[in-house]
Amino acid sequence: MSLKGLFNARWPGVALFDLDGTLVDSAPDLAAAVDQMLAHLGRSPAGLANVRNWVGNGSGILVRRALARQIDWAPPTPKDDALFKDAMAIFYHAYQQLNGQQAVVFDDVKGCLAHLQTLGCRMAVVTNKPDQFVSPLLKQTGLDQYFEVIVGGDTLAVKKPDPAPLLHAMEKLGGTRGTTVMVGDSAADISAARAAGIPCVAVRYGYNFGASVDSLGADAVVDSLSELL
């Protein structure tokens, strides 16, 4: 479905994109950092398949999922919090070195972004990834040239699925609810877009905690960003 179909045959003036699982397959780097953290703590590796399912709510929740070995975890105790702080420090140190080393841009992403740029569409990345890792990854993958605004997981006091990061980026780019679209790969992206009152496109090739995105209420679901053109 072309993006024009969401705006009465007009192209969007502003497009907001999730990063991990939408623009870039960053799971190999994240998994390597998680496994380094677990090894440092004397635990067995989580592996790439598990980490793909745990990505999407920010590094803190990713680390908690890795420590619990599952997507849900029990409420933390004081002992858990001490372990969590140590684990976060180890993970951040590891990921600082690994960020972008194995990450690859998904097929058709650059073509889509370049086309939107030629149409005058202003674009932002809105991600739950900690701020310090976003710009280096965009630069490493050559995507930095397309985005005027970056909203990371630490930019505001809240993350997706809260709509505030989307509204913040939209306002920065001069967009309105009638001219702005969100493109993401997970329930967090779709929920944030619906709460913000803007259309949302979901991609099937992303992470979404190991579940299908087809029934989550996105305005369109695609297998490739090329379909949006």
C-alpha atoms as a PDB file:
ATOM      1  CA  MET A   1       0.000   0.000   0.000  1.00  0.00           C
ATOM      2  CA  SER A   2       1.444   3.355  -1.028  1.00  0.00           C
ATOM      3  CA  LEU A   3       1.808   5.965   1.691  1.00  0.00           C
ATOM      4  CA  LYS A   4      -0.279   8.242  -0.528  1.00  0.00           C
ATOM      5  CA  GLY A   5      -3.254   6.027   0.253  1.00  0.00           C
ATOM      6  CA  LEU A   6      -3.137   7.065   3.913  1.00  0.00           C
ATOM      7  CA  PHE A   7      -3.443  10.778   3.136  1.00  0.00           C
ATOM      8  CA  ASN A   8      -6.070  11.078   0.406  1.00  0.00           C
ATOM      9  CA  ALA A   9      -3.613  10.651  -2.468  1.00  0.00           C
ATOM     10  CA  ARG A  10      -1.029  12.996  -0.925  1.00  0.00           C
ATOM     11  CA  TRP A  11       2.413  11.971   0.302  1.00  0.00           C
ATOM     12  CA  PRO A  12       3.046  12.479   4.028  1.00  0.00           C
ATOM     13  CA  GLY A  13       4.856  15.646   5.012  1.00  0.00           C
ATOM     14  CA  VAL A  14       6.534  13.921   7.963  1.00  0.00           C
ATOM     15  CA  ALA A  15       7.549  10.278   8.412  1.00  0.00           C
ATOM     16  CA  LEU A  16       8.699   8.816  11.726  1.00  0.00           C
ATOM     17  CA  PHE A  17      10.667   5.557  11.657  1.00  0.00           C
ATOM     18  CA  ASP A  18      11.511   3.049  14.340  1.00  0.00           C
ATOM     19  CA  LEU A  19      15.145   1.896  14.127  1.00  0.00           C
ATOM     20  CA  ASP A  20      15.815  -1.659  15.358  1.00  0.00           C
ATOM     21  CA  GLY A  21      13.801  -4.174  13.351  1.00  0.00           C
ATOM     22  CA  THR A  22      12.435  -1.528  10.971  1.00  0.00           C
ATOM     23  CA  LEU A  23      15.420   0.164   9.345  1.00  0.00           C
ATOM     24  CA  VAL A  24      18.274  -1.986  10.646  1.00  0.00           C
ATOM     25  CA  ASP A  25      18.721  -5.584  11.739  1.00  0.00           C
ATOM     26  CA  SER A  26      20.739  -4.802  14.859  1.00  0.00           C
ATOM     27  CA  ALA A  27      19.891  -8.008  16.745  1.00  0.00           C
ATOM     28  CA  PRO A  28      23.286  -9.693  16.067  1.00  0.00           C
ATOM     29  CA  ASP A  29      25.146  -6.856  17.824  1.00  0.00           C
ATOM     30  CA  LEU A  30      22.637  -6.748  20.671  1.00  0.00           C
ATOM     31  CA  ALA A  31      22.825 -10.516  21.097  1.00  0.00           C
ATOM     32  CA  ALA A  32      26.622 -10.435  21.188  1.00  0.00           C
ATOM     33  CA  ALA A  33      26.520  -7.732  23.877  1.00  0.00           C
ATOM     34  CA  VAL A  34      23.895  -9.620  25.897  1.00  0.00           C
ATOM     35  CA  ASP A  35      25.933 -12.813  25.722  1.00  0.00           C
ATOM     36  CA  GLN A  36      29.098 -10.982  26.798  1.00  0.00           C
ATOM     37  CA  MET A  37      27.173  -9.614  29.765  1.00  0.00           C
ATOM     38  CA  LEU A  38      25.814 -13.036  30.700  1.00  0.00           C
ATOM     39  CA  ALA A  39      29.247 -14.652  30.368  1.00  0.00           C
ATOM     40  CA  HIS A  40      30.725 -11.993  32.654  1.00  0.00           C
ATOM     41  CA  LEU A  41      28.066 -12.912  35.220  1.00  0.00           C
ATOM     42  CA  GLY A  42      28.836 -16.623  34.878  1.00  0.00           C
ATOM     43  CA  ARG A  43      25.648 -17.431  32.988  1.00  0.00           C
ATOM     44  CA  SER A  44      25.035 -19.326  29.765  1.00  0.00           C
ATOM     45  CA  PRO A  45      24.457 -17.350  26.536  1.00  0.00           C
ATOM     46  CA  ALA A  46      20.965 -16.312  25.473  1.00  0.00           C
ATOM     47  CA  GLY A  47      21.614 -16.599  21.743  1.00  0.00           C
ATOM     48  CA  LEU A  48      20.428 -14.573  18.777  1.00  0.00           C
ATOM     49  CA  ALA A  49      16.972 -16.170  18.461  1.00  0.00           C
ATOM     50  CA  ASN A  50      16.005 -15.238  22.017  1.00  0.00           C
ATOM     51  CA  VAL A  51      17.399 -11.720  21.815  1.00  0.00           C
ATOM     52  CA  ARG A  52      15.416 -11.027  18.625  1.00  0.00           C
ATOM     53  CA  ASN A  53      12.268 -11.702  20.643  1.00  0.00           C
ATOM     54  CA  TRP A  54      13.366  -9.539  23.585  1.00  0.00           C
ATOM     55  CA  VAL A  55      14.240  -6.345  21.652  1.00  0.00           C
ATOM     56  CA  GLY A  56      11.845  -3.410  21.442  1.00  0.00           C
ATOM     57  CA  ASN A  57      11.278  -1.844  24.858  1.00  0.00           C
ATOM     58  CA  GLY A  58      14.730  -0.367  25.458  1.00  0.00           C
ATOM     59  CA  SER A  59      18.003  -1.695  26.876  1.00  0.00           C
ATOM     60  CA  GLY A  60      16.807  -1.896  30.490  1.00  0.00           C
ATOM     61  CA  ILE A  61      13.992  -4.282  29.684  1.00  0.00           C
ATOM     62  CA  LEU A  62      16.209  -6.231  27.279  1.00  0.00           C
ATOM     63  CA  VAL A  63      18.704  -6.827  30.090  1.00  0.00           C
ATOM     64  CA  ARG A  64      15.948  -7.804  32.547  1.00  0.00           C
ATOM     65  CA  ARG A  65      14.598 -10.274  29.996  1.00  0.00           C
ATOM     66  CA  ALA A  66      18.066 -11.710  29.490  1.00  0.00           C
ATOM     67  CA  LEU A  67      18.570 -12.144  33.235  1.00  0.00           C
ATOM     68  CA  ALA A  68      15.156 -13.810  33.580  1.00  0.00           C
ATOM     69  CA  ARG A  69      15.659 -15.816  30.354  1.00  0.00           C
ATOM     70  CA  GLN A  70      12.156 -14.915  29.229  1.00  0.00           C
ATOM     71  CA  ILE A  71      10.110 -12.001  27.943  1.00  0.00           C
ATOM     72  CA  ASP A  72       8.271 -11.614  31.283  1.00  0.00           C
ATOM     73  CA  TRP A  73       9.975 -11.408  34.653  1.00  0.00           C
ATOM     74  CA  ALA A  74       8.976 -11.254  38.321  1.00  0.00           C
ATOM     75  CA  PRO A  75       8.983  -7.896  40.155  1.00  0.00           C
ATOM     76  CA  PRO A  76      12.597  -7.139  41.159  1.00  0.00           C
ATOM     77  CA  THR A  77      13.859  -7.533  44.706  1.00  0.00           C
ATOM     78  CA  PRO A  78      16.670  -5.378  46.186  1.00  0.00           C
ATOM     79  CA  LYS A  79      19.079  -8.200  45.316  1.00  0.00           C
ATOM     80  CA  ASP A  80      17.741  -8.260  41.759  1.00  0.00           C
ATOM     81  CA  ASP A  81      18.240  -4.498  41.471  1.00  0.00           C
ATOM     82  CA  ALA A  82      21.904  -4.776  42.484  1.00  0.00           C
ATOM     83  CA  LEU A  83      22.423  -7.500  39.884  1.00  0.00           C
ATOM     84  CA  PHE A  84      20.536  -5.459  37.298  1.00  0.00           C
ATOM     85  CA  LYS A  85      22.760  -2.403  37.821  1.00  0.00           C
ATOM     86  CA  ASP A  86      25.875  -4.509  37.364  1.00  0.00           C
ATOM     87  CA  ALA A  87      24.384  -6.207  34.310  1.00  0.00           C
ATOM     88  CA  MET A  88      23.438  -2.882  32.720  1.00  0.00           C
ATOM     89  CA  ALA A  89      26.939  -1.486  33.162  1.00  0.00           C
ATOM     90  CA  ILE A  90      28.452  -4.593  31.574  1.00  0.00           C
ATOM     91  CA  PHE A  91      25.937  -4.574  28.715  1.00  0.00           C
ATOM     92  CA  TYR A  92      26.489  -0.881  27.942  1.00  0.00           C
ATOM     93  CA  HIS A  93      30.248  -1.350  27.879  1.00  0.00           C
ATOM     94  CA  ALA A  94      29.968  -4.339  25.547  1.00  0.00           C
ATOM     95  CA  TYR A  95      27.429  -2.752  23.222  1.00  0.00           C
ATOM     96  CA  GLN A  96      29.479   0.443  22.985  1.00  0.00           C
ATOM     97  CA  GLN A  97      32.165  -1.661  21.284  1.00  0.00           C
ATOM     98  CA  LEU A  98      29.813  -3.842  19.209  1.00  0.00           C
ATOM     99  CA  ASN A  99      27.175  -1.343  18.036  1.00  0.00           C
ATOM    100  CA  GLY A 100      27.003  -1.427  14.236  1.00  0.00           C
ATOM    101  CA  GLN A 101      29.625  -4.138  13.747  1.00  0.00           C
ATOM    102  CA  GLN A 102      27.219  -6.781  12.406  1.00  0.00           C
ATOM    103  CA  ALA A 103      24.116  -4.649  11.884  1.00  0.00           C
ATOM    104  CA  VAL A 104      22.746  -4.473   8.339  1.00  0.00           C
ATOM    105  CA  VAL A 105      20.177  -2.210   6.727  1.00  0.00           C
ATOM    106  CA  PHE A 106      17.097  -4.137   5.634  1.00  0.00           C
ATOM    107  CA  ASP A 107      16.442  -4.460   1.901  1.00  0.00           C
ATOM    108  CA  ASP A 108      14.682  -1.510   0.224  1.00  0.00           C
ATOM    109  CA  VAL A 109      15.104   0.804   3.226  1.00  0.00           C
ATOM    110  CA  LYS A 110      17.528   3.205   1.556  1.00  0.00           C
ATOM    111  CA  GLY A 111      15.461   3.325  -1.618  1.00  0.00           C
ATOM    112  CA  CYS A 112      12.360   4.245   0.360  1.00  0.00           C
ATOM    113  CA  LEU A 113      14.104   6.910   2.421  1.00  0.00           C
ATOM    114  CA  ALA A 114      15.787   8.437  -0.634  1.00  0.00           C
ATOM    115  CA  HIS A 115      12.458   8.618  -2.480  1.00  0.00           C
ATOM    116  CA  LEU A 116      10.684  10.271   0.440  1.00  0.00           C
ATOM    117  CA  GLN A 117      13.556  12.728   0.749  1.00  0.00           C
ATOM    118  CA  THR A 118      13.212  13.755  -2.904  1.00  0.00           C
ATOM    119  CA  LEU A 119       9.506  14.388  -2.279  1.00  0.00           C
ATOM    120  CA  GLY A 120      10.358  16.822   0.518  1.00  0.00           C
ATOM    121  CA  CYS A 121       9.152  14.534   3.296  1.00  0.00           C
ATOM    122  CA  ARG A 122      10.897  15.383   6.565  1.00  0.00           C
ATOM    123  CA  MET A 123      11.967  12.337   8.548  1.00  0.00           C
ATOM    124  CA  ALA A 124      12.836  11.360  12.112  1.00  0.00           C
ATOM    125  CA  VAL A 125      13.994   8.237  13.897  1.00  0.00           C
ATOM    126  CA  VAL A 126      11.918   7.495  16.994  1.00  0.00           C
ATOM    127  CA  THR A 127      13.416   4.573  18.889  1.00  0.00           C
ATOM    128  CA  ASN A 128      13.629   3.114  22.376  1.00  0.00           C
ATOM    129  CA  LYS A 129      17.362   2.514  21.911  1.00  0.00           C
ATOM    130  CA  PRO A 130      19.430   4.606  24.371  1.00  0.00           C
ATOM    131  CA  ASP A 131      20.402   7.956  22.854  1.00  0.00           C
ATOM    132  CA  GLN A 132      24.143   7.319  22.946  1.00  0.00           C
ATOM    133  CA  PHE A 133      23.861   4.380  20.541  1.00  0.00           C
ATOM    134  CA  VAL A 134      21.481   5.854  17.957  1.00  0.00           C
ATOM    135  CA  SER A 135      23.622   8.354  16.031  1.00  0.00           C
ATOM    136  CA  PRO A 136      26.652   6.013  15.823  1.00  0.00           C
ATOM    137  CA  LEU A 137      24.463   3.240  14.381  1.00  0.00           C
ATOM    138  CA  LEU A 138      22.859   5.572  11.840  1.00  0.00           C
ATOM    139  CA  LYS A 139      26.263   6.833  10.777  1.00  0.00           C
ATOM    140  CA  GLN A 140      27.737   3.325  10.611  1.00  0.00           C
ATOM    141  CA  THR A 141      24.912   2.164   8.332  1.00  0.00           C
ATOM    142  CA  GLY A 142      24.823   5.316   6.180  1.00  0.00           C
ATOM    143  CA  LEU A 143      21.297   6.254   7.221  1.00  0.00           C
ATOM    144  CA  ASP A 144      22.171   9.455   9.064  1.00  0.00           C
ATOM    145  CA  GLN A 145      21.809  11.557   5.889  1.00  0.00           C
ATOM    146  CA  TYR A 146      18.041  11.012   5.774  1.00  0.00           C
ATOM    147  CA  PHE A 147      17.002  12.127   9.257  1.00  0.00           C
ATOM    148  CA  GLU A 148      16.633  15.640  10.627  1.00  0.00           C
ATOM    149  CA  VAL A 149      15.501  14.594  14.112  1.00  0.00           C
ATOM    150  CA  ILE A 150      16.424  11.698  16.398  1.00  0.00           C
ATOM    151  CA  VAL A 151      14.344  10.775  19.433  1.00  0.00           C
ATOM    152  CA  GLY A 152      15.996   8.030  21.466  1.00  0.00           C
ATOM    153  CA  GLY A 153      14.997   6.107  24.535  1.00  0.00           C
ATOM    154  CA  ASP A 154      16.474   8.738  26.868  1.00  0.00           C
ATOM    155  CA  THR A 155      15.400  11.882  25.012  1.00  0.00           C
ATOM    156  CA  LEU A 156      12.199  12.180  27.029  1.00  0.00           C
ATOM    157  CA  ALA A 157      11.116  10.775  30.374  1.00  0.00           C
ATOM    158  CA  VAL A 158       8.965   8.165  28.611  1.00  0.00           C
ATOM    159  CA  LYS A 159       9.406   5.690  25.745  1.00  0.00           C
ATOM    160  CA  LYS A 160       7.105   4.068  23.197  1.00  0.00           C
ATOM    161  CA  PRO A 161       4.348   2.844  23.528  1.00  0.00           C
ATOM    162  CA  ASP A 162       3.784   6.240  25.137  1.00  0.00           C
ATOM    163  CA  PRO A 163       2.887   8.646  22.303  1.00  0.00           C
ATOM    164  CA  ALA A 164       5.069  11.488  23.621  1.00  0.00           C
ATOM    165  CA  PRO A 165       8.207  10.577  21.604  1.00  0.00           C
ATOM    166  CA  LEU A 166       6.188  10.542  18.375  1.00  0.00           C
ATOM    167  CA  LEU A 167       4.462  13.828  19.171  1.00  0.00           C
ATOM    168  CA  HIS A 168       7.809  15.392  20.095  1.00  0.00           C
ATOM    169  CA  ALA A 169       9.370  14.405  16.758  1.00  0.00           C
ATOM    170  CA  MET A 170       6.282  15.456  14.816  1.00  0.00           C
ATOM    171  CA  GLU A 171       6.315  18.890  16.430  1.00  0.00           C
ATOM    172  CA  LYS A 172      10.051  19.309  15.788  1.00  0.00           C
ATOM    173  CA  LEU A 173       9.481  18.641  12.088  1.00  0.00           C
ATOM    174  CA  GLY A 174       6.416  20.852  11.776  1.00  0.00           C
ATOM    175  CA  GLY A 175       4.049  17.974  11.161  1.00  0.00           C
ATOM    176  CA  THR A 176       0.402  17.536  12.090  1.00  0.00           C
ATOM    177  CA  ARG A 177      -1.784  14.519  12.728  1.00  0.00           C
ATOM    178  CA  GLY A 178      -3.079  14.887   9.176  1.00  0.00           C
ATOM    179  CA  THR A 179       0.363  14.852   7.547  1.00  0.00           C
ATOM    180  CA  THR A 180       2.478  12.498   9.702  1.00  0.00           C
ATOM    181  CA  VAL A 181       2.947   8.715   9.548  1.00  0.00           C
ATOM    182  CA  MET A 182       4.757   6.266  11.848  1.00  0.00           C
ATOM    183  CA  VAL A 183       6.562   3.228  10.415  1.00  0.00           C
ATOM    184  CA  GLY A 184       7.588   0.485  12.840  1.00  0.00           C
ATOM    185  CA  ASP A 185       7.794  -3.226  13.491  1.00  0.00           C
ATOM    186  CA  SER A 186       6.208  -3.812  16.888  1.00  0.00           C
ATOM    187  CA  ALA A 187       3.208  -3.438  19.144  1.00  0.00           C
ATOM    188  CA  ALA A 188       5.025  -0.560  20.869  1.00  0.00           C
ATOM    189  CA  ASP A 189       5.152   1.395  17.600  1.00  0.00           C
ATOM    190  CA  ILE A 190       1.546   0.716  16.675  1.00  0.00           C
ATOM    191  CA  SER A 191       0.227   1.533  20.155  1.00  0.00           C
ATOM    192  CA  ALA A 192       2.231   4.761  20.258  1.00  0.00           C
ATOM    193  CA  ALA A 193       0.950   5.846  16.846  1.00  0.00           C
ATOM    194  CA  ARG A 194      -2.663   5.087  17.723  1.00  0.00           C
ATOM    195  CA  ALA A 195      -2.348   7.006  20.985  1.00  0.00           C
ATOM    196  CA  ALA A 196      -0.766   9.911  19.093  1.00  0.00           C
ATOM    197  CA  GLY A 197      -3.612   9.912  16.589  1.00  0.00           C
ATOM    198  CA  ILE A 198      -1.470   9.315  13.503  1.00  0.00           C
ATOM    199  CA  PRO A 199      -1.511   6.521  10.899  1.00  0.00           C
ATOM    200  CA  CYS A 200       0.896   3.636  11.363  1.00  0.00           C
ATOM    201  CA  VAL A 201       2.537   1.218   8.952  1.00  0.00           C
ATOM    202  CA  ALA A 202       3.925  -2.042  10.365  1.00  0.00           C
ATOM    203  CA  VAL A 203       6.585  -4.178   8.709  1.00  0.00           C
ATOM    204  CA  ARG A 204       6.401  -7.959   8.942  1.00  0.00           C
ATOM    205  CA  TYR A 205      10.139  -8.608   8.803  1.00  0.00           C
ATOM    206  CA  GLY A 206      10.964  -7.021  12.177  1.00  0.00           C
ATOM    207  CA  TYR A 207      11.058  -8.363  15.708  1.00  0.00           C
ATOM    208  CA  ASN A 208       7.765  -7.664  17.557  1.00  0.00           C
ATOM    209  CA  PHE A 209       8.638  -9.993  20.435  1.00  0.00           C
ATOM    210  CA  GLY A 210       8.308 -13.031  18.179  1.00  0.00           C
ATOM    211  CA  ALA A 211       4.639 -12.435  17.323  1.00  0.00           C
ATOM    212  CA  SER A 212       2.834 -11.432  14.128  1.00  0.00           C
ATOM    213  CA  VAL A 213       2.023  -7.740  13.591  1.00  0.00           C
ATOM    214  CA  ASP A 214      -0.938  -8.404  11.308  1.00  0.00           C
ATOM    215  CA  SER A 215      -3.625  -8.301  13.992  1.00  0.00           C
ATOM    216  CA  LEU A 216      -2.336  -5.304  15.983  1.00  0.00           C
ATOM    217  CA  GLY A 217      -4.391  -2.632  14.250  1.00  0.00           C
ATOM    218  CA  ALA A 218      -1.846  -0.909  12.010  1.00  0.00           C
ATOM    219  CA  ASP A 219      -3.316   1.044   9.097  1.00  0.00           C
ATOM    220  CA  ALA A 220      -1.141  -0.980   6.713  1.00  0.00           C
ATOM    221  CA  VAL A 221       1.152  -3.999   7.036  1.00  0.00           C
ATOM    222  CA  VAL A 222       3.925  -4.562   4.495  1.00  0.00           C
ATOM    223  CA  ASP A 223       6.684  -7.050   3.744  1.00  0.00           C
ATOM    224  CA  SER A 224       9.044  -4.378   2.406  1.00  0.00           C
ATOM    225  CA  LEU A 225       9.321  -0.588   2.572  1.00  0.00           C
ATOM    226  CA  SER A 226       9.319  -0.606  -1.224  1.00  0.00           C
ATOM    227  CA  GLU A 227       5.578  -1.319  -1.037  1.00  0.00           C
ATOM    228  CA  LEU A 228       5.066   2.151   0.448  1.00  0.00           C
ATOM    229  CA  LEU A 229       6.185   3.786  -2.779  1.00  0.00           C
END
